[in-house]
Protein backbone atom coordinates (compact mmCIF):
# COMPACT_ATOMS: atom_id res chain seq x y z
CA UNK A 1 0.00 0.00 0.00
CA UNK A 2 1.49 3.32 -1.08
CA UNK A 3 1.35 6.26 1.28
CA UNK A 4 -0.11 9.53 0.08
CA UNK A 5 2.10 12.60 0.05
CA UNK A 6 0.27 14.04 3.06
CA UNK A 7 0.66 10.78 5.01
CA UNK A 8 4.39 10.62 4.21
CA UNK A 9 4.81 14.17 5.53
CA UNK A 10 3.01 13.31 8.75
CA UNK A 11 4.90 10.05 9.27
CA UNK A 12 8.23 11.74 8.56
CA UNK A 13 7.49 14.27 11.30
CA UNK A 14 6.57 11.49 13.73
CA UNK A 15 9.79 9.65 12.90
CA UNK A 16 11.96 12.75 13.28
CA UNK A 17 10.32 14.05 16.47
CA UNK A 18 9.72 10.79 18.34
CA UNK A 19 11.46 7.90 16.60
CA UNK A 20 14.87 9.42 15.99
CA UNK A 21 15.42 10.68 19.57
CA UNK A 22 14.35 7.26 20.89
CA UNK A 23 16.75 5.57 18.46
CA UNK A 24 19.58 7.87 19.59
CA UNK A 25 18.96 6.94 23.23
CA UNK A 26 19.00 3.24 22.34
CA UNK A 27 22.18 3.64 20.26
CA UNK A 28 24.04 5.51 23.02
CA UNK A 29 23.02 2.89 25.57
CA UNK A 30 24.10 0.12 23.21
CA UNK A 31 27.55 1.67 22.83
CA UNK A 32 27.75 2.22 26.61
CA UNK A 33 27.47 -1.56 27.14
CA UNK A 34 30.77 -1.98 25.29
CA UNK A 35 33.82 -1.43 27.48
CA UNK A 36 34.98 1.93 26.12
CA UNK A 37 36.60 0.93 22.79
CA UNK A 38 39.13 3.12 21.04
CA UNK A 39 37.79 6.39 19.71
CA UNK A 40 37.98 5.16 16.10
CA UNK A 41 35.95 2.04 16.76
CA UNK A 42 33.40 4.04 18.73
CA UNK A 43 33.18 6.57 15.89
CA UNK A 44 32.71 3.75 13.37
CA UNK A 45 29.91 2.24 15.48
CA UNK A 46 28.12 5.61 15.66
CA UNK A 47 28.49 6.14 11.91
CA UNK A 48 27.08 2.68 11.15
CA UNK A 49 24.21 3.18 13.61
CA UNK A 50 23.60 6.59 12.05
CA UNK A 51 23.00 5.03 8.65
CA UNK A 52 21.11 1.93 9.82
CA UNK A 53 18.08 3.85 11.12
CA UNK A 54 17.25 5.26 7.70
CA UNK A 55 17.21 1.97 5.78
CA UNK A 56 13.73 0.81 6.81
CA UNK A 57 12.34 4.36 6.73
CA UNK A 58 13.71 5.53 3.40
CA UNK A 59 10.34 5.19 1.64
CA UNK A 60 8.67 7.49 4.19
CA UNK A 61 11.05 10.35 3.41
CA UNK A 62 10.97 10.10 -0.39
CA UNK A 63 9.56 13.27 -1.94
CA UNK A 64 8.59 14.91 1.35
CA UNK A 65 10.32 18.16 0.42
CA UNK A 66 8.68 18.28 -3.01
CA UNK A 67 5.30 19.86 -3.81
CA UNK A 68 2.32 17.50 -3.61
CA UNK A 69 2.08 15.76 -7.00
CA UNK A 70 -1.64 15.05 -6.47
CA UNK A 71 -2.46 18.72 -6.00
CA UNK A 72 -4.05 20.03 -9.19
CA UNK A 73 -2.35 23.45 -9.38
PDB file of N, CA and C in Angstrom:
ATOM      1  N   UNK A   1       0.836  -1.177   0.000  1.00  0.00           N
ATOM      2  CA  UNK A   1       0.000   0.000   0.000  1.00  0.00           C
ATOM      3  C   UNK A   1       0.882   1.242   0.000  1.00  0.00           C
ATOM      4  N   UNK A   2       0.697   2.101  -0.966  1.00  0.00           N
ATOM      5  CA  UNK A   2       1.488   3.318  -1.080  1.00  0.00           C
ATOM      6  C   UNK A   2       0.902   4.406  -0.184  1.00  0.00           C
ATOM      7  N   UNK A   3       1.788   5.147   0.436  1.00  0.00           N
ATOM      8  CA  UNK A   3       1.348   6.259   1.277  1.00  0.00           C
ATOM      9  C   UNK A   3       1.121   7.497   0.421  1.00  0.00           C
ATOM     10  N   UNK A   4       0.114   8.265   0.775  1.00  0.00           N
ATOM     11  CA  UNK A   4      -0.106   9.526   0.081  1.00  0.00           C
ATOM     12  C   UNK A   4       0.979  10.514   0.497  1.00  0.00           C
ATOM     13  N   UNK A   5       1.083  11.585  -0.250  1.00  0.00           N
ATOM     14  CA  UNK A   5       2.096  12.598   0.048  1.00  0.00           C
ATOM     15  C   UNK A   5       1.863  13.200   1.435  1.00  0.00           C
ATOM     16  N   UNK A   6       0.615  13.463   1.761  1.00  0.00           N
ATOM     17  CA  UNK A   6       0.269  14.043   3.059  1.00  0.00           C
ATOM     18  C   UNK A   6       0.609  13.066   4.197  1.00  0.00           C
ATOM     19  N   UNK A   7       0.340  11.786   3.984  1.00  0.00           N
ATOM     20  CA  UNK A   7       0.656  10.784   5.005  1.00  0.00           C
ATOM     21  C   UNK A   7       2.162  10.646   5.193  1.00  0.00           C
ATOM     22  N   UNK A   8       2.918  10.687   4.090  1.00  0.00           N
ATOM     23  CA  UNK A   8       4.385  10.618   4.209  1.00  0.00           C
ATOM     24  C   UNK A   8       4.926  11.804   4.992  1.00  0.00           C
ATOM     25  N   UNK A   9       4.365  12.995   4.773  1.00  0.00           N
ATOM     26  CA  UNK A   9       4.807  14.173   5.528  1.00  0.00           C
ATOM     27  C   UNK A   9       4.536  13.994   7.018  1.00  0.00           C
ATOM     28  N   UNK A  10       3.356  13.502   7.333  1.00  0.00           N
ATOM     29  CA  UNK A  10       3.012  13.310   8.746  1.00  0.00           C
ATOM     30  C   UNK A  10       3.884  12.244   9.390  1.00  0.00           C
ATOM     31  N   UNK A  11       4.073  11.113   8.704  1.00  0.00           N
ATOM     32  CA  UNK A  11       4.900  10.051   9.265  1.00  0.00           C
ATOM     33  C   UNK A  11       6.355  10.480   9.386  1.00  0.00           C
ATOM     34  N   UNK A  12       6.854  11.278   8.457  1.00  0.00           N
ATOM     35  CA  UNK A  12       8.235  11.738   8.555  1.00  0.00           C
ATOM     36  C   UNK A  12       8.414  12.637   9.778  1.00  0.00           C
ATOM     37  N   UNK A  13       7.411  13.453  10.085  1.00  0.00           N
ATOM     38  CA  UNK A  13       7.485  14.271  11.299  1.00  0.00           C
ATOM     39  C   UNK A  13       7.469  13.408  12.559  1.00  0.00           C
ATOM     40  N   UNK A  14       6.622  12.392  12.581  1.00  0.00           N
ATOM     41  CA  UNK A  14       6.573  11.490  13.731  1.00  0.00           C
ATOM     42  C   UNK A  14       7.920  10.800  13.923  1.00  0.00           C
ATOM     43  N   UNK A  15       8.492  10.335  12.826  1.00  0.00           N
ATOM     44  CA  UNK A  15       9.787   9.647  12.905  1.00  0.00           C
ATOM     45  C   UNK A  15      10.866  10.597  13.408  1.00  0.00           C
ATOM     46  N   UNK A  16      10.897  11.816  12.890  1.00  0.00           N
ATOM     47  CA  UNK A  16      11.956  12.755  13.277  1.00  0.00           C
ATOM     48  C   UNK A  16      11.785  13.294  14.694  1.00  0.00           C
ATOM     49  N   UNK A  17      10.548  13.463  15.144  1.00  0.00           N
ATOM     50  CA  UNK A  17      10.318  14.053  16.467  1.00  0.00           C
ATOM     51  C   UNK A  17      10.264  13.023  17.592  1.00  0.00           C
ATOM     52  N   UNK A  18       9.859  11.806  17.293  1.00  0.00           N
ATOM     53  CA  UNK A  18       9.721  10.790  18.337  1.00  0.00           C
ATOM     54  C   UNK A  18      10.678   9.624  18.097  1.00  0.00           C
ATOM     55  N   UNK A  19      10.674   9.091  16.894  1.00  0.00           N
ATOM     56  CA  UNK A  19      11.464   7.902  16.604  1.00  0.00           C
ATOM     57  C   UNK A  19      12.956   8.121  16.640  1.00  0.00           C
ATOM     58  N   UNK A  20      13.428   9.183  16.045  1.00  0.00           N
ATOM     59  CA  UNK A  20      14.867   9.421  15.992  1.00  0.00           C
ATOM     60  C   UNK A  20      15.474   9.683  17.377  1.00  0.00           C
ATOM     61  N   UNK A  21      14.861  10.533  18.215  1.00  0.00           N
ATOM     62  CA  UNK A  21      15.423  10.677  19.574  1.00  0.00           C
ATOM     63  C   UNK A  21      15.425   9.364  20.359  1.00  0.00           C
ATOM     64  N   UNK A  22      14.382   8.565  20.203  1.00  0.00           N
ATOM     65  CA  UNK A  22      14.347   7.265  20.885  1.00  0.00           C
ATOM     66  C   UNK A  22      15.463   6.362  20.356  1.00  0.00           C
ATOM     67  N   UNK A  23      15.685   6.372  19.045  1.00  0.00           N
ATOM     68  CA  UNK A  23      16.755   5.566  18.457  1.00  0.00           C
ATOM     69  C   UNK A  23      18.122   6.042  18.953  1.00  0.00           C
ATOM     70  N   UNK A  24      18.304   7.333  19.093  1.00  0.00           N
ATOM     71  CA  UNK A  24      19.583   7.866  19.591  1.00  0.00           C
ATOM     72  C   UNK A  24      19.842   7.388  21.013  1.00  0.00           C
ATOM     73  N   UNK A  25      18.810   7.408  21.847  1.00  0.00           N
ATOM     74  CA  UNK A  25      18.958   6.940  23.227  1.00  0.00           C
ATOM     75  C   UNK A  25      19.338   5.466  23.249  1.00  0.00           C
ATOM     76  N   UNK A  26      18.686   4.665  22.421  1.00  0.00           N
ATOM     77  CA  UNK A  26      19.004   3.235  22.344  1.00  0.00           C
ATOM     78  C   UNK A  26      20.430   3.038  21.831  1.00  0.00           C
ATOM     79  N   UNK A  27      20.835   3.788  20.820  1.00  0.00           N
ATOM     80  CA  UNK A  27      22.184   3.642  20.258  1.00  0.00           C
ATOM     81  C   UNK A  27      23.252   4.016  21.272  1.00  0.00           C
ATOM     82  N   UNK A  28      23.053   5.089  22.014  1.00  0.00           N
ATOM     83  CA  UNK A  28      24.035   5.507  23.017  1.00  0.00           C
ATOM     84  C   UNK A  28      24.134   4.469  24.131  1.00  0.00           C
ATOM     85  N   UNK A  29      22.987   3.932  24.549  1.00  0.00           N
ATOM     86  CA  UNK A  29      23.015   2.886  25.574  1.00  0.00           C
ATOM     87  C   UNK A  29      23.667   1.613  25.056  1.00  0.00           C
ATOM     88  N   UNK A  30      23.466   1.296  23.803  1.00  0.00           N
ATOM     89  CA  UNK A  30      24.096   0.124  23.206  1.00  0.00           C
ATOM     90  C   UNK A  30      25.616   0.271  23.205  1.00  0.00           C
ATOM     91  N   UNK A  31      26.098   1.437  22.842  1.00  0.00           N
ATOM     92  CA  UNK A  31      27.546   1.670  22.830  1.00  0.00           C
ATOM     93  C   UNK A  31      28.092   1.719  24.258  1.00  0.00           C
ATOM     94  N   UNK A  32      27.289   2.157  25.214  1.00  0.00           N
ATOM     95  CA  UNK A  32      27.747   2.217  26.606  1.00  0.00           C
ATOM     96  C   UNK A  32      27.964   0.824  27.189  1.00  0.00           C
ATOM     97  N   UNK A  33      27.271  -0.193  26.655  1.00  0.00           N
ATOM     98  CA  UNK A  33      27.473  -1.563  27.135  1.00  0.00           C
ATOM     99  C   UNK A  33      28.857  -2.088  26.771  1.00  0.00           C
ATOM    100  N   UNK A  34      29.430  -1.566  25.705  1.00  0.00           N
ATOM    101  CA  UNK A  34      30.769  -1.984  25.288  1.00  0.00           C
ATOM    102  C   UNK A  34      31.776  -1.289  26.193  1.00  0.00           C
ATOM    103  N   UNK A  35      32.785  -2.034  26.639  1.00  0.00           N
ATOM    104  CA  UNK A  35      33.820  -1.429  27.483  1.00  0.00           C
ATOM    105  C   UNK A  35      34.633  -0.428  26.681  1.00  0.00           C
ATOM    106  N   UNK A  36      34.331   0.787  26.761  1.00  0.00           N
ATOM    107  CA  UNK A  36      34.984   1.933  26.119  1.00  0.00           C
ATOM    108  C   UNK A  36      36.051   1.535  25.091  1.00  0.00           C
ATOM    109  N   UNK A  37      35.622   1.283  23.837  1.00  0.00           N
ATOM    110  CA  UNK A  37      36.596   0.934  22.792  1.00  0.00           C
ATOM    111  C   UNK A  37      37.416   2.162  22.401  1.00  0.00           C
ATOM    112  N   UNK A  38      38.351   1.968  21.500  1.00  0.00           N
ATOM    113  CA  UNK A  38      39.132   3.117  21.036  1.00  0.00           C
ATOM    114  C   UNK A  38      38.194   4.113  20.351  1.00  0.00           C
ATOM    115  N   UNK A  39      38.625   5.328  20.262  1.00  0.00           N
ATOM    116  CA  UNK A  39      37.788   6.392  19.708  1.00  0.00           C
ATOM    117  C   UNK A  39      37.396   6.102  18.272  1.00  0.00           C
ATOM    118  N   UNK A  40      38.268   5.445  17.512  1.00  0.00           N
ATOM    119  CA  UNK A  40      37.984   5.157  16.100  1.00  0.00           C
ATOM    120  C   UNK A  40      36.913   4.086  15.954  1.00  0.00           C
ATOM    121  N   UNK A  41      36.974   3.081  16.805  1.00  0.00           N
ATOM    122  CA  UNK A  41      35.946   2.035  16.755  1.00  0.00           C
ATOM    123  C   UNK A  41      34.603   2.599  17.210  1.00  0.00           C
ATOM    124  N   UNK A  42      34.636   3.411  18.245  1.00  0.00           N
ATOM    125  CA  UNK A  42      33.400   4.041  18.726  1.00  0.00           C
ATOM    126  C   UNK A  42      32.805   4.953  17.649  1.00  0.00           C
ATOM    127  N   UNK A  43      33.643   5.707  16.974  1.00  0.00           N
ATOM    128  CA  UNK A  43      33.178   6.568  15.887  1.00  0.00           C
ATOM    129  C   UNK A  43      32.578   5.737  14.757  1.00  0.00           C
ATOM    130  N   UNK A  44      33.232   4.632  14.411  1.00  0.00           N
ATOM    131  CA  UNK A  44      32.713   3.749  13.369  1.00  0.00           C
ATOM    132  C   UNK A  44      31.350   3.167  13.757  1.00  0.00           C
ATOM    133  N   UNK A  45      31.196   2.770  15.011  1.00  0.00           N
ATOM    134  CA  UNK A  45      29.914   2.238  15.484  1.00  0.00           C
ATOM    135  C   UNK A  45      28.830   3.302  15.361  1.00  0.00           C
ATOM    136  N   UNK A  46      29.117   4.529  15.757  1.00  0.00           N
ATOM    137  CA  UNK A  46      28.122   5.608  15.661  1.00  0.00           C
ATOM    138  C   UNK A  46      27.782   5.926  14.205  1.00  0.00           C
ATOM    139  N   UNK A  47      28.764   5.884  13.336  1.00  0.00           N
ATOM    140  CA  UNK A  47      28.495   6.139  11.912  1.00  0.00           C
ATOM    141  C   UNK A  47      27.597   5.038  11.342  1.00  0.00           C
ATOM    142  N   UNK A  48      27.913   3.795  11.646  1.00  0.00           N
ATOM    143  CA  UNK A  48      27.083   2.678  11.154  1.00  0.00           C
ATOM    144  C   UNK A  48      25.670   2.776  11.715  1.00  0.00           C
ATOM    145  N   UNK A  49      25.539   3.034  13.007  1.00  0.00           N
ATOM    146  CA  UNK A  49      24.213   3.178  13.608  1.00  0.00           C
ATOM    147  C   UNK A  49      23.478   4.388  13.042  1.00  0.00           C
ATOM    148  N   UNK A  50      24.214   5.414  12.649  1.00  0.00           N
ATOM    149  CA  UNK A  50      23.598   6.589  12.050  1.00  0.00           C
ATOM    150  C   UNK A  50      22.997   6.321  10.686  1.00  0.00           C
ATOM    151  N   UNK A  51      23.554   5.374   9.958  1.00  0.00           N
ATOM    152  CA  UNK A  51      23.001   5.027   8.650  1.00  0.00           C
ATOM    153  C   UNK A  51      21.937   3.933   8.730  1.00  0.00           C
ATOM    154  N   UNK A  52      22.034   3.068   9.722  1.00  0.00           N
ATOM    155  CA  UNK A  52      21.112   1.932   9.818  1.00  0.00           C
ATOM    156  C   UNK A  52      19.669   2.391  10.045  1.00  0.00           C
ATOM    157  N   UNK A  53      19.450   3.457  10.792  1.00  0.00           N
ATOM    158  CA  UNK A  53      18.076   3.847  11.121  1.00  0.00           C
ATOM    159  C   UNK A  53      17.287   4.275   9.887  1.00  0.00           C
ATOM    160  N   UNK A  54      17.953   4.753   8.864  1.00  0.00           N
ATOM    161  CA  UNK A  54      17.248   5.264   7.702  1.00  0.00           C
ATOM    162  C   UNK A  54      16.836   4.164   6.728  1.00  0.00           C
ATOM    163  N   UNK A  55      17.493   3.017   6.758  1.00  0.00           N
ATOM    164  CA  UNK A  55      17.215   1.966   5.779  1.00  0.00           C
ATOM    165  C   UNK A  55      15.741   1.548   5.759  1.00  0.00           C
ATOM    166  N   UNK A  56      15.133   1.215   6.887  1.00  0.00           N
ATOM    167  CA  UNK A  56      13.726   0.812   6.806  1.00  0.00           C
ATOM    168  C   UNK A  56      12.765   1.983   6.590  1.00  0.00           C
ATOM    169  N   UNK A  57      13.225   3.204   6.813  1.00  0.00           N
ATOM    170  CA  UNK A  57      12.336   4.364   6.733  1.00  0.00           C
ATOM    171  C   UNK A  57      12.549   5.214   5.492  1.00  0.00           C
ATOM    172  N   UNK A  58      13.379   4.749   4.594  1.00  0.00           N
ATOM    173  CA  UNK A  58      13.713   5.525   3.404  1.00  0.00           C
ATOM    174  C   UNK A  58      12.471   5.888   2.592  1.00  0.00           C
ATOM    175  N   UNK A  59      11.546   4.956   2.450  1.00  0.00           N
ATOM    176  CA  UNK A  59      10.340   5.190   1.645  1.00  0.00           C
ATOM    177  C   UNK A  59       9.451   6.279   2.240  1.00  0.00           C
ATOM    178  N   UNK A  60       9.490   6.452   3.553  1.00  0.00           N
ATOM    179  CA  UNK A  60       8.671   7.487   4.187  1.00  0.00           C
ATOM    180  C   UNK A  60       9.172   8.875   3.801  1.00  0.00           C
ATOM    181  N   UNK A  61      10.478   9.038   3.669  1.00  0.00           N
ATOM    182  CA  UNK A  61      11.054  10.347   3.412  1.00  0.00           C
ATOM    183  C   UNK A  61      11.141  10.730   1.934  1.00  0.00           C
ATOM    184  N   UNK A  62      10.870   9.794   1.033  1.00  0.00           N
ATOM    185  CA  UNK A  62      10.975  10.097  -0.393  1.00  0.00           C
ATOM    186  C   UNK A  62       9.959  11.153  -0.818  1.00  0.00           C
ATOM    187  N   UNK A  63      10.421  12.238  -1.383  1.00  0.00           N
ATOM    188  CA  UNK A  63       9.557  13.270  -1.936  1.00  0.00           C
ATOM    189  C   UNK A  63       8.877  14.158  -0.935  1.00  0.00           C
ATOM    190  N   UNK A  64       9.257  14.096   0.335  1.00  0.00           N
ATOM    191  CA  UNK A  64       8.586  14.908   1.350  1.00  0.00           C
ATOM    192  C   UNK A  64       8.838  16.397   1.114  1.00  0.00           C
ATOM    193  N   UNK A  65       9.995  16.759   0.654  1.00  0.00           N
ATOM    194  CA  UNK A  65      10.317  18.163   0.421  1.00  0.00           C
ATOM    195  C   UNK A  65       9.789  18.712  -0.895  1.00  0.00           C
ATOM    196  N   UNK A  66       9.201  17.864  -1.707  1.00  0.00           N
ATOM    197  CA  UNK A  66       8.679  18.276  -3.005  1.00  0.00           C
ATOM    198  C   UNK A  66       7.224  18.722  -2.871  1.00  0.00           C
ATOM    199  N   UNK A  67       6.730  19.515  -3.822  1.00  0.00           N
ATOM    200  CA  UNK A  67       5.302  19.860  -3.810  1.00  0.00           C
ATOM    201  C   UNK A  67       4.456  18.609  -4.009  1.00  0.00           C
ATOM    202  N   UNK A  68       3.234  18.652  -3.505  1.00  0.00           N
ATOM    203  CA  UNK A  68       2.321  17.500  -3.607  1.00  0.00           C
ATOM    204  C   UNK A  68       1.989  17.232  -5.065  1.00  0.00           C
ATOM    205  N   UNK A  69       2.344  16.049  -5.588  1.00  0.00           N
ATOM    206  CA  UNK A  69       2.079  15.756  -6.999  1.00  0.00           C
ATOM    207  C   UNK A  69       0.589  15.560  -7.291  1.00  0.00           C
ATOM    208  N   UNK A  70      -0.211  15.256  -6.276  1.00  0.00           N
ATOM    209  CA  UNK A  70      -1.645  15.046  -6.474  1.00  0.00           C
ATOM    210  C   UNK A  70      -2.429  16.349  -6.479  1.00  0.00           C
ATOM    211  N   UNK A  71      -1.788  17.422  -6.037  1.00  0.00           N
ATOM    212  CA  UNK A  71      -2.457  18.720  -6.005  1.00  0.00           C
ATOM    213  C   UNK A  71      -2.593  19.235  -7.428  1.00  0.00           C
ATOM    214  N   UNK A  72      -3.769  19.686  -7.802  1.00  0.00           N
ATOM    215  CA  UNK A  72      -4.052  20.030  -9.192  1.00  0.00           C
ATOM    216  C   UNK A  72      -3.696  21.447  -9.600  1.00  0.00           C
ATOM    217  N   UNK A  73      -2.717  22.058  -9.003  1.00  0.00           N
ATOM    218  CA  UNK A  73      -2.346  23.450  -9.381  1.00  0.00           C
ATOM    219  C   UNK A  73      -1.455  23.488 -10.567  1.00  0.00           C
TER     220      UNK A  73
END
